[in-house]
Amino acid sequence: MGLSLAASLAFVQLVGTHARLGSLADAKLLLDMQGIVVERAGS
């Protein structure tokens, strides 16, 4: 999970300020956060 989270954060940093890709970065971040919550709730 750690490497995946690092890759996701790098993606958000790279495209987060792009005019057309910013909303994609936001959606990716929300999905990652949801995955973390689900994983923590299961353990």
N, C-alpha and C. Protein backbone atom coordinates (compact mmCIF):
# COMPACT_ATOMS: atom_id res chain seq x y z
N MET A 1 0.83 -1.20 0.00
CA MET A 1 0.00 0.00 0.00
C MET A 1 0.87 1.25 0.00
N GLY A 2 2.02 1.20 0.64
CA GLY A 2 2.87 2.37 0.74
C GLY A 2 3.36 2.88 -0.61
N LEU A 3 3.79 1.95 -1.47
CA LEU A 3 4.28 2.35 -2.79
C LEU A 3 3.15 2.91 -3.65
N SER A 4 1.99 2.30 -3.55
CA SER A 4 0.83 2.77 -4.31
C SER A 4 0.44 4.19 -3.87
N LEU A 5 0.47 4.41 -2.58
CA LEU A 5 0.14 5.74 -2.07
C LEU A 5 1.17 6.77 -2.52
N ALA A 6 2.42 6.41 -2.50
CA ALA A 6 3.47 7.32 -2.96
C ALA A 6 3.31 7.65 -4.43
N ALA A 7 2.98 6.65 -5.24
CA ALA A 7 2.76 6.89 -6.67
C ALA A 7 1.55 7.79 -6.89
N SER A 8 0.51 7.57 -6.12
CA SER A 8 -0.69 8.40 -6.25
C SER A 8 -0.41 9.85 -5.86
N LEU A 9 0.35 10.04 -4.80
CA LEU A 9 0.69 11.40 -4.39
C LEU A 9 1.56 12.09 -5.43
N ALA A 10 2.47 11.34 -6.05
CA ALA A 10 3.29 11.91 -7.11
C ALA A 10 2.42 12.31 -8.29
N PHE A 11 1.44 11.47 -8.64
CA PHE A 11 0.52 11.79 -9.73
C PHE A 11 -0.26 13.07 -9.43
N VAL A 12 -0.76 13.17 -8.21
CA VAL A 12 -1.52 14.36 -7.82
C VAL A 12 -0.65 15.61 -7.89
N GLN A 13 0.61 15.48 -7.47
CA GLN A 13 1.53 16.62 -7.53
C GLN A 13 1.80 17.04 -8.97
N LEU A 14 1.92 16.06 -9.86
CA LEU A 14 2.25 16.37 -11.25
C LEU A 14 1.10 16.98 -12.02
N VAL A 15 -0.10 16.48 -11.84
CA VAL A 15 -1.22 16.95 -12.65
C VAL A 15 -2.25 17.76 -11.87
N GLY A 16 -2.06 17.90 -10.58
CA GLY A 16 -3.05 18.58 -9.74
C GLY A 16 -3.30 20.02 -10.11
N THR A 17 -2.31 20.71 -10.65
CA THR A 17 -2.49 22.12 -11.00
C THR A 17 -2.80 22.32 -12.48
N HIS A 18 -2.84 21.23 -13.24
CA HIS A 18 -3.15 21.31 -14.67
C HIS A 18 -4.63 21.66 -14.83
N ALA A 19 -4.93 22.57 -15.74
CA ALA A 19 -6.31 23.05 -15.91
C ALA A 19 -7.28 21.93 -16.27
N ARG A 20 -6.89 21.05 -17.19
CA ARG A 20 -7.81 20.01 -17.65
C ARG A 20 -7.69 18.72 -16.84
N LEU A 21 -6.55 18.47 -16.22
CA LEU A 21 -6.34 17.22 -15.50
C LEU A 21 -6.51 17.35 -13.99
N GLY A 22 -6.72 18.56 -13.52
CA GLY A 22 -6.85 18.78 -12.08
C GLY A 22 -8.00 18.00 -11.46
N SER A 23 -9.13 17.94 -12.16
CA SER A 23 -10.28 17.21 -11.61
C SER A 23 -10.01 15.71 -11.57
N LEU A 24 -9.22 15.20 -12.52
CA LEU A 24 -8.83 13.80 -12.50
C LEU A 24 -7.96 13.51 -11.28
N ALA A 25 -7.05 14.40 -10.98
CA ALA A 25 -6.20 14.24 -9.80
C ALA A 25 -7.03 14.26 -8.53
N ASP A 26 -8.03 15.13 -8.48
CA ASP A 26 -8.91 15.18 -7.31
C ASP A 26 -9.67 13.87 -7.14
N ALA A 27 -10.19 13.34 -8.24
CA ALA A 27 -10.94 12.08 -8.17
C ALA A 27 -10.02 10.94 -7.74
N LYS A 28 -8.80 10.91 -8.26
CA LYS A 28 -7.83 9.87 -7.90
C LYS A 28 -7.52 9.94 -6.41
N LEU A 29 -7.34 11.13 -5.90
CA LEU A 29 -7.04 11.29 -4.48
C LEU A 29 -8.20 10.82 -3.61
N LEU A 30 -9.43 11.14 -4.01
CA LEU A 30 -10.59 10.69 -3.24
C LEU A 30 -10.72 9.17 -3.26
N LEU A 31 -10.47 8.55 -4.40
CA LEU A 31 -10.53 7.09 -4.48
C LEU A 31 -9.46 6.44 -3.61
N ASP A 32 -8.27 7.04 -3.60
CA ASP A 32 -7.20 6.51 -2.75
C ASP A 32 -7.56 6.63 -1.28
N MET A 33 -8.15 7.76 -0.92
CA MET A 33 -8.55 7.95 0.47
C MET A 33 -9.63 6.94 0.86
N GLN A 34 -10.55 6.67 -0.04
CA GLN A 34 -11.60 5.69 0.22
C GLN A 34 -10.98 4.30 0.43
N GLY A 35 -10.00 3.96 -0.39
CA GLY A 35 -9.33 2.67 -0.25
C GLY A 35 -8.63 2.53 1.09
N ILE A 36 -8.02 3.60 1.55
CA ILE A 36 -7.34 3.58 2.85
C ILE A 36 -8.35 3.39 3.98
N VAL A 37 -9.47 4.09 3.90
CA VAL A 37 -10.50 3.97 4.93
C VAL A 37 -11.06 2.55 4.96
N VAL A 38 -11.33 1.99 3.79
CA VAL A 38 -11.86 0.62 3.72
C VAL A 38 -10.85 -0.38 4.28
N GLU A 39 -9.58 -0.20 3.91
CA GLU A 39 -8.54 -1.11 4.41
C GLU A 39 -8.39 -1.02 5.92
N ARG A 40 -8.45 0.17 6.46
CA ARG A 40 -8.30 0.33 7.91
C ARG A 40 -9.51 -0.20 8.65
N ALA A 41 -10.69 -0.07 8.06
CA ALA A 41 -11.92 -0.57 8.70
C ALA A 41 -11.94 -2.09 8.74
N GLY A 42 -11.29 -2.72 7.75
CA GLY A 42 -11.27 -4.18 7.70
C GLY A 42 -10.28 -4.81 8.66
N SER A 43 -9.33 -4.02 9.14
CA SER A 43 -8.32 -4.61 10.03
C SER A 43 -8.58 -4.33 11.49
